[in-house]
Every structure is written in C-alpha cells, then in structure tokens.
Amino acid sequence: MNAQHDISCTHEPECPAPDDLDREAARIVANHPEQGWSLLCNGIVIFEDTGELLPDGRVIAPHRPITTA
C-alpha cells in the first residue's frame, strides 16, 4: 500500500490499494458514465470497456469481454 492511499481513504474497511489484486473493489468517488469512466478512491480510473489507468501512469488493457445485447 502506498502512503497516498493511506491518507486519502477514509472508508471502513479501507479500500484496496492500486497494486492489490482486488483494486477494482475500491469505492467510486467520481462517476462519469456519459464519458465512460469513473474514478475510484484508490486513484484508479476505470473505463466502461474494463480498461484501467493506474495512479502511477500504468495502463491495464480491457480484460473482460464486452457483450452486446
């Protein structure tokens, strides 16, 4: 866990850190569905295609299949 995450998260239980395997379980603090992204408490930007932008600038490619109705 990084120091920034320790300071910013006030949730109980604390949200997972950006490097944790369950990082996507952090709470949404800003939601912009019209633009296709949300900001999580741990600093991760998640996109509707399941891609992620981590706080350190690393990019996680979409990792779940998108289904169409």
PDB file of N, CA and C in Angstrom:
ATOM      1  N   MET A   1       0.836  -1.170   0.000  1.00  0.00           N
ATOM      2  CA  MET A   1       0.000   0.000   0.000  1.00  0.00           C
ATOM      3  C   MET A   1       0.886   1.240   0.000  1.00  0.00           C
ATOM      4  N   ASN A   2       0.517   2.240  -0.776  1.00  0.00           N
ATOM      5  CA  ASN A   2       1.338   3.445  -0.809  1.00  0.00           C
ATOM      6  C   ASN A   2       0.820   4.483   0.180  1.00  0.00           C
ATOM      7  N   ALA A   3       1.657   5.441   0.534  1.00  0.00           N
ATOM      8  CA  ALA A   3       1.302   6.448   1.531  1.00  0.00           C
ATOM      9  C   ALA A   3       0.117   7.291   1.081  1.00  0.00           C
ATOM     10  N   GLN A   4       0.036   7.599  -0.195  1.00  0.00           N
ATOM     11  CA  GLN A   4      -1.071   8.406  -0.697  1.00  0.00           C
ATOM     12  C   GLN A   4      -2.392   7.697  -0.435  1.00  0.00           C
ATOM     13  N   HIS A   5      -2.445   6.396  -0.653  1.00  0.00           N
ATOM     14  CA  HIS A   5      -3.674   5.653  -0.416  1.00  0.00           C
ATOM     15  C   HIS A   5      -4.030   5.663   1.064  1.00  0.00           C
ATOM     16  N   ASP A   6      -3.044   5.510   1.944  1.00  0.00           N
ATOM     17  CA  ASP A   6      -3.295   5.533   3.384  1.00  0.00           C
ATOM     18  C   ASP A   6      -3.959   6.833   3.804  1.00  0.00           C
ATOM     19  N   ILE A   7      -3.554   7.938   3.217  1.00  0.00           N
ATOM     20  CA  ILE A   7      -4.050   9.250   3.599  1.00  0.00           C
ATOM     21  C   ILE A   7      -5.432   9.521   3.009  1.00  0.00           C
ATOM     22  N   SER A   8      -5.666   9.125   1.782  1.00  0.00           N
ATOM     23  CA  SER A   8      -6.878   9.524   1.090  1.00  0.00           C
ATOM     24  C   SER A   8      -8.102   8.685   1.424  1.00  0.00           C
ATOM     25  N   CYS A   9      -7.952   7.430   1.784  1.00  0.00           N
ATOM     26  CA  CYS A   9      -9.108   6.568   2.011  1.00  0.00           C
ATOM     27  C   CYS A   9      -9.566   6.645   3.460  1.00  0.00           C
ATOM     28  N   THR A  10     -10.822   7.035   3.632  1.00  0.00           N
ATOM     29  CA  THR A  10     -11.402   7.096   4.967  1.00  0.00           C
ATOM     30  C   THR A  10     -12.514   6.072   5.132  1.00  0.00           C
ATOM     31  N   HIS A  11     -12.661   5.169   4.173  1.00  0.00           N
ATOM     32  CA  HIS A  11     -13.712   4.162   4.233  1.00  0.00           C
ATOM     33  C   HIS A  11     -13.363   3.060   5.224  1.00  0.00           C
ATOM     34  N   GLU A  12     -14.387   2.438   5.782  1.00  0.00           N
ATOM     35  CA  GLU A  12     -14.218   1.276   6.660  1.00  0.00           C
ATOM     36  C   GLU A  12     -14.999   0.136   6.063  1.00  0.00           C
ATOM     37  N   PRO A  13     -14.412  -0.971   5.729  1.00  0.00           N
ATOM     38  CA  PRO A  13     -12.967  -1.187   5.727  1.00  0.00           C
ATOM     39  C   PRO A  13     -12.306  -0.361   4.624  1.00  0.00           C
ATOM     40  N   GLU A  14     -11.015  -0.156   4.779  1.00  0.00           N
ATOM     41  CA  GLU A  14     -10.262   0.654   3.826  1.00  0.00           C
ATOM     42  C   GLU A  14     -10.304   0.032   2.432  1.00  0.00           C
ATOM     43  N   CYS A  15     -10.383   0.881   1.423  1.00  0.00           N
ATOM     44  CA  CYS A  15     -10.398   0.414   0.036  1.00  0.00           C
ATOM     45  C   CYS A  15      -9.068  -0.238  -0.322  1.00  0.00           C
ATOM     46  N   PRO A  16      -9.088  -1.203  -1.259  1.00  0.00           N
ATOM     47  CA  PRO A  16      -7.839  -1.835  -1.692  1.00  0.00           C
ATOM     48  C   PRO A  16      -6.908  -0.817  -2.352  1.00  0.00           C
ATOM     49  N   ALA A  17      -5.629  -1.031  -2.190  1.00  0.00           N
ATOM     50  CA  ALA A  17      -4.610  -0.176  -2.806  1.00  0.00           C
ATOM     51  C   ALA A  17      -4.552  -0.435  -4.310  1.00  0.00           C
ATOM     52  N   PRO A  18      -3.979   0.488  -5.078  1.00  0.00           N
ATOM     53  CA  PRO A  18      -3.896   0.321  -6.533  1.00  0.00           C
ATOM     54  C   PRO A  18      -3.135  -0.929  -6.974  1.00  0.00           C
ATOM     55  N   ASP A  19      -2.226  -1.441  -6.156  1.00  0.00           N
ATOM     56  CA  ASP A  19      -1.458  -2.628  -6.529  1.00  0.00           C
ATOM     57  C   ASP A  19      -2.084  -3.930  -6.035  1.00  0.00           C
ATOM     58  N   ASP A  20      -3.162  -3.856  -5.263  1.00  0.00           N
ATOM     59  CA  ASP A  20      -3.829  -5.056  -4.771  1.00  0.00           C
ATOM     60  C   ASP A  20      -4.572  -5.749  -5.913  1.00  0.00           C
ATOM     61  N   LEU A  21      -4.715  -7.065  -5.817  1.00  0.00           N
ATOM     62  CA  LEU A  21      -5.427  -7.816  -6.856  1.00  0.00           C
ATOM     63  C   LEU A  21      -6.900  -7.416  -6.944  1.00  0.00           C
ATOM     64  N   ASP A  22      -7.493  -7.007  -5.832  1.00  0.00           N
ATOM     65  CA  ASP A  22      -8.895  -6.607  -5.825  1.00  0.00           C
ATOM     66  C   ASP A  22      -9.080  -5.102  -5.921  1.00  0.00           C
ATOM     67  N   ARG A  23      -8.143  -4.414  -6.578  1.00  0.00           N
ATOM     68  CA  ARG A  23      -8.142  -2.952  -6.653  1.00  0.00           C
ATOM     69  C   ARG A  23      -9.432  -2.366  -7.202  1.00  0.00           C
ATOM     70  N   GLU A  24     -10.140  -3.092  -8.053  1.00  0.00           N
ATOM     71  CA  GLU A  24     -11.383  -2.587  -8.645  1.00  0.00           C
ATOM     72  C   GLU A  24     -12.530  -2.552  -7.632  1.00  0.00           C
ATOM     73  N   ALA A  25     -12.328  -3.111  -6.443  1.00  0.00           N
ATOM     74  CA  ALA A  25     -13.358  -3.108  -5.401  1.00  0.00           C
ATOM     75  C   ALA A  25     -13.392  -1.802  -4.624  1.00  0.00           C
ATOM     76  N   ALA A  26     -12.474  -0.895  -4.902  1.00  0.00           N
ATOM     77  CA  ALA A  26     -12.478   0.410  -4.223  1.00  0.00           C
ATOM     78  C   ALA A  26     -13.756   1.165  -4.584  1.00  0.00           C
ATOM     79  N   ARG A  27     -14.154   2.058  -3.718  1.00  0.00           N
ATOM     80  CA  ARG A  27     -15.389   2.818  -3.934  1.00  0.00           C
ATOM     81  C   ARG A  27     -15.219   3.895  -4.996  1.00  0.00           C
ATOM     82  N   ILE A  28     -16.289   4.130  -5.734  1.00  0.00           N
ATOM     83  CA  ILE A  28     -16.301   5.182  -6.750  1.00  0.00           C
ATOM     84  C   ILE A  28     -16.441   6.531  -6.054  1.00  0.00           C
ATOM     85  N   VAL A  29     -15.553   7.473  -6.399  1.00  0.00           N
ATOM     86  CA  VAL A  29     -15.638   8.819  -5.837  1.00  0.00           C
ATOM     87  C   VAL A  29     -16.066   9.851  -6.884  1.00  0.00           C
ATOM     88  N   ALA A  30     -15.950   9.530  -8.152  1.00  0.00           N
ATOM     89  CA  ALA A  30     -16.430  10.390  -9.240  1.00  0.00           C
ATOM     90  C   ALA A  30     -16.878   9.480 -10.376  1.00  0.00           C
ATOM     91  N   ASN A  31     -18.125   9.634 -10.803  1.00  0.00           N
ATOM     92  CA  ASN A  31     -18.690   8.768 -11.826  1.00  0.00           C
ATOM     93  C   ASN A  31     -19.102   9.605 -13.026  1.00  0.00           C
ATOM     94  N   HIS A  32     -18.626   9.246 -14.194  1.00  0.00           N
ATOM     95  CA  HIS A  32     -18.965   9.955 -15.433  1.00  0.00           C
ATOM     96  C   HIS A  32     -19.384   8.950 -16.507  1.00  0.00           C
ATOM     97  N   PRO A  33     -20.547   8.308 -16.335  1.00  0.00           N
ATOM     98  CA  PRO A  33     -20.976   7.293 -17.303  1.00  0.00           C
ATOM     99  C   PRO A  33     -21.175   7.848 -18.704  1.00  0.00           C
ATOM    100  N   GLU A  34     -21.506   9.135 -18.801  1.00  0.00           N
ATOM    101  CA  GLU A  34     -21.688   9.740 -20.125  1.00  0.00           C
ATOM    102  C   GLU A  34     -20.372   9.820 -20.884  1.00  0.00           C
ATOM    103  N   GLN A  35     -19.253   9.775 -20.161  1.00  0.00           N
ATOM    104  CA  GLN A  35     -17.931   9.792 -20.778  1.00  0.00           C
ATOM    105  C   GLN A  35     -17.264   8.426 -20.722  1.00  0.00           C
ATOM    106  N   GLY A  36     -17.874   7.478 -20.005  1.00  0.00           N
ATOM    107  CA  GLY A  36     -17.372   6.112 -19.979  1.00  0.00           C
ATOM    108  C   GLY A  36     -16.274   5.833 -18.966  1.00  0.00           C
ATOM    109  N   TRP A  37     -16.179   6.635 -17.892  1.00  0.00           N
ATOM    110  CA  TRP A  37     -15.134   6.380 -16.902  1.00  0.00           C
ATOM    111  C   TRP A  37     -15.593   6.759 -15.505  1.00  0.00           C
ATOM    112  N   SER A  38     -14.896   6.182 -14.512  1.00  0.00           N
ATOM    113  CA  SER A  38     -15.132   6.500 -13.105  1.00  0.00           C
ATOM    114  C   SER A  38     -13.795   6.545 -12.389  1.00  0.00           C
ATOM    115  N   LEU A  39     -13.711   7.382 -11.348  1.00  0.00           N
ATOM    116  CA  LEU A  39     -12.525   7.476 -10.511  1.00  0.00           C
ATOM    117  C   LEU A  39     -12.798   6.746  -9.213  1.00  0.00           C
ATOM    118  N   LEU A  40     -11.889   5.837  -8.852  1.00  0.00           N
ATOM    119  CA  LEU A  40     -12.021   5.090  -7.612  1.00  0.00           C
ATOM    120  C   LEU A  40     -11.251   5.780  -6.493  1.00  0.00           C
ATOM    121  N   CYS A  41     -11.593   5.456  -5.269  1.00  0.00           N
ATOM    122  CA  CYS A  41     -10.965   6.033  -4.086  1.00  0.00           C
ATOM    123  C   CYS A  41      -9.451   5.841  -4.080  1.00  0.00           C
ATOM    124  N   ASN A  42      -8.973   4.755  -4.648  1.00  0.00           N
ATOM    125  CA  ASN A  42      -7.543   4.461  -4.643  1.00  0.00           C
ATOM    126  C   ASN A  42      -6.793   5.137  -5.796  1.00  0.00           C
ATOM    127  N   GLY A  43      -7.467   6.024  -6.529  1.00  0.00           N
ATOM    128  CA  GLY A  43      -6.802   6.782  -7.582  1.00  0.00           C
ATOM    129  C   GLY A  43      -6.845   6.153  -8.954  1.00  0.00           C
ATOM    130  N   ILE A  44      -7.474   5.020  -9.086  1.00  0.00           N
ATOM    131  CA  ILE A  44      -7.573   4.341 -10.382  1.00  0.00           C
ATOM    132  C   ILE A  44      -8.745   4.905 -11.172  1.00  0.00           C
ATOM    133  N   VAL A  45      -8.520   5.132 -12.460  1.00  0.00           N
ATOM    134  CA  VAL A  45      -9.600   5.491 -13.376  1.00  0.00           C
ATOM    135  C   VAL A  45      -9.980   4.205 -14.100  1.00  0.00           C
ATOM    136  N   ILE A  46     -11.251   3.820 -13.964  1.00  0.00           N
ATOM    137  CA  ILE A  46     -11.727   2.633 -14.672  1.00  0.00           C
ATOM    138  C   ILE A  46     -12.618   3.086 -15.821  1.00  0.00           C
ATOM    139  N   PHE A  47     -12.545   2.352 -16.922  1.00  0.00           N
ATOM    140  CA  PHE A  47     -13.301   2.684 -18.122  1.00  0.00           C
ATOM    141  C   PHE A  47     -14.361   1.632 -18.375  1.00  0.00           C
ATOM    142  N   GLU A  48     -15.427   2.015 -19.068  1.00  0.00           N
ATOM    143  CA  GLU A  48     -16.533   1.087 -19.292  1.00  0.00           C
ATOM    144  C   GLU A  48     -16.121  -0.147 -20.093  1.00  0.00           C
ATOM    145  N   ASP A  49     -15.030  -0.080 -20.829  1.00  0.00           N
ATOM    146  CA  ASP A  49     -14.561  -1.258 -21.569  1.00  0.00           C
ATOM    147  C   ASP A  49     -13.693  -2.167 -20.692  1.00  0.00           C
ATOM    148  N   THR A  50     -13.597  -1.865 -19.388  1.00  0.00           N
ATOM    149  CA  THR A  50     -12.852  -2.578 -18.347  1.00  0.00           C
ATOM    150  C   THR A  50     -11.363  -2.278 -18.345  1.00  0.00           C
ATOM    151  N   GLY A  51     -10.916  -1.332 -19.140  1.00  0.00           N
ATOM    152  CA  GLY A  51      -9.532  -0.887 -19.059  1.00  0.00           C
ATOM    153  C   GLY A  51      -9.353  -0.025 -17.815  1.00  0.00           C
ATOM    154  N   GLU A  52      -8.097   0.176 -17.422  1.00  0.00           N
ATOM    155  CA  GLU A  52      -7.803   0.963 -16.225  1.00  0.00           C
ATOM    156  C   GLU A  52      -6.580   1.836 -16.453  1.00  0.00           C
ATOM    157  N   LEU A  53      -6.552   2.966 -15.772  1.00  0.00           N
ATOM    158  CA  LEU A  53      -5.386   3.827 -15.716  1.00  0.00           C
ATOM    159  C   LEU A  53      -5.008   3.915 -14.243  1.00  0.00           C
ATOM    160  N   LEU A  54      -3.830   3.395 -13.894  1.00  0.00           N
ATOM    161  CA  LEU A  54      -3.385   3.379 -12.507  1.00  0.00           C
ATOM    162  C   LEU A  54      -2.764   4.719 -12.136  1.00  0.00           C
ATOM    163  N   PRO A  55      -2.721   5.039 -10.841  1.00  0.00           N
ATOM    164  CA  PRO A  55      -2.195   6.346 -10.415  1.00  0.00           C
ATOM    165  C   PRO A  55      -0.759   6.608 -10.838  1.00  0.00           C
ATOM    166  N   ASP A  56       0.033   5.562 -11.039  1.00  0.00           N
ATOM    167  CA  ASP A  56       1.432   5.752 -11.440  1.00  0.00           C
ATOM    168  C   ASP A  56       1.591   5.861 -12.957  1.00  0.00           C
ATOM    169  N   GLY A  57       0.462   5.877 -13.693  1.00  0.00           N
ATOM    170  CA  GLY A  57       0.505   6.046 -15.140  1.00  0.00           C
ATOM    171  C   GLY A  57       0.456   4.749 -15.929  1.00  0.00           C
ATOM    172  N   ARG A  58       0.538   3.604 -15.248  1.00  0.00           N
ATOM    173  CA  ARG A  58       0.445   2.331 -15.971  1.00  0.00           C
ATOM    174  C   ARG A  58      -0.960   2.144 -16.516  1.00  0.00           C
ATOM    175  N   VAL A  59      -1.042   1.486 -17.663  1.00  0.00           N
ATOM    176  CA  VAL A  59      -2.315   1.214 -18.316  1.00  0.00           C
ATOM    177  C   VAL A  59      -2.593  -0.278 -18.234  1.00  0.00           C
ATOM    178  N   ILE A  60      -3.808  -0.621 -17.828  1.00  0.00           N
ATOM    179  CA  ILE A  60      -4.261  -2.009 -17.828  1.00  0.00           C
ATOM    180  C   ILE A  60      -5.259  -2.123 -18.971  1.00  0.00           C
ATOM    181  N   ALA A  61      -4.955  -2.989 -19.925  1.00  0.00           N
ATOM    182  CA  ALA A  61      -5.826  -3.164 -21.090  1.00  0.00           C
ATOM    183  C   ALA A  61      -7.164  -3.763 -20.651  1.00  0.00           C
ATOM    184  N   PRO A  62      -8.219  -3.526 -21.441  1.00  0.00           N
ATOM    185  CA  PRO A  62      -9.504  -4.153 -21.128  1.00  0.00           C
ATOM    186  C   PRO A  62      -9.310  -5.655 -20.923  1.00  0.00           C
ATOM    187  N   HIS A  63      -9.987  -6.190 -19.889  1.00  0.00           N
ATOM    188  CA  HIS A  63      -9.742  -7.578 -19.535  1.00  0.00           C
ATOM    189  C   HIS A  63     -10.995  -8.409 -19.327  1.00  0.00           C
ATOM    190  N   ARG A  64     -12.130  -7.902 -19.725  1.00  0.00           N
ATOM    191  CA  ARG A  64     -13.361  -8.695 -19.714  1.00  0.00           C
ATOM    192  C   ARG A  64     -14.025  -8.517 -21.062  1.00  0.00           C
ATOM    193  N   PRO A  65     -14.604  -9.585 -21.570  1.00  0.00           N
ATOM    194  CA  PRO A  65     -15.286  -9.444 -22.868  1.00  0.00           C
ATOM    195  C   PRO A  65     -16.490  -8.514 -22.744  1.00  0.00           C
ATOM    196  N   ILE A  66     -16.686  -7.725 -23.768  1.00  0.00           N
ATOM    197  CA  ILE A  66     -17.849  -6.839 -23.810  1.00  0.00           C
ATOM    198  C   ILE A  66     -18.957  -7.588 -24.536  1.00  0.00           C
ATOM    199  N   THR A  67     -20.110  -7.656 -23.912  1.00  0.00           N
ATOM    200  CA  THR A  67     -21.245  -8.332 -24.534  1.00  0.00           C
ATOM    201  C   THR A  67     -22.184  -7.286 -25.105  1.00  0.00           C
ATOM    202  N   THR A  68     -22.804  -7.630 -26.210  1.00  0.00           N
ATOM    203  CA  THR A  68     -23.773  -6.723 -26.823  1.00  0.00           C
ATOM    204  C   THR A  68     -25.146  -7.364 -26.744  1.00  0.00           C
ATOM    205  N   ALA A  69     -26.109  -6.535 -26.546  1.00  0.00           N
ATOM    206  CA  ALA A  69     -27.487  -7.045 -26.415  1.00  0.00           C
ATOM    207  C   ALA A  69     -28.168  -7.088 -27.742  1.00  0.00           C
TER     208      ALA A  69
END
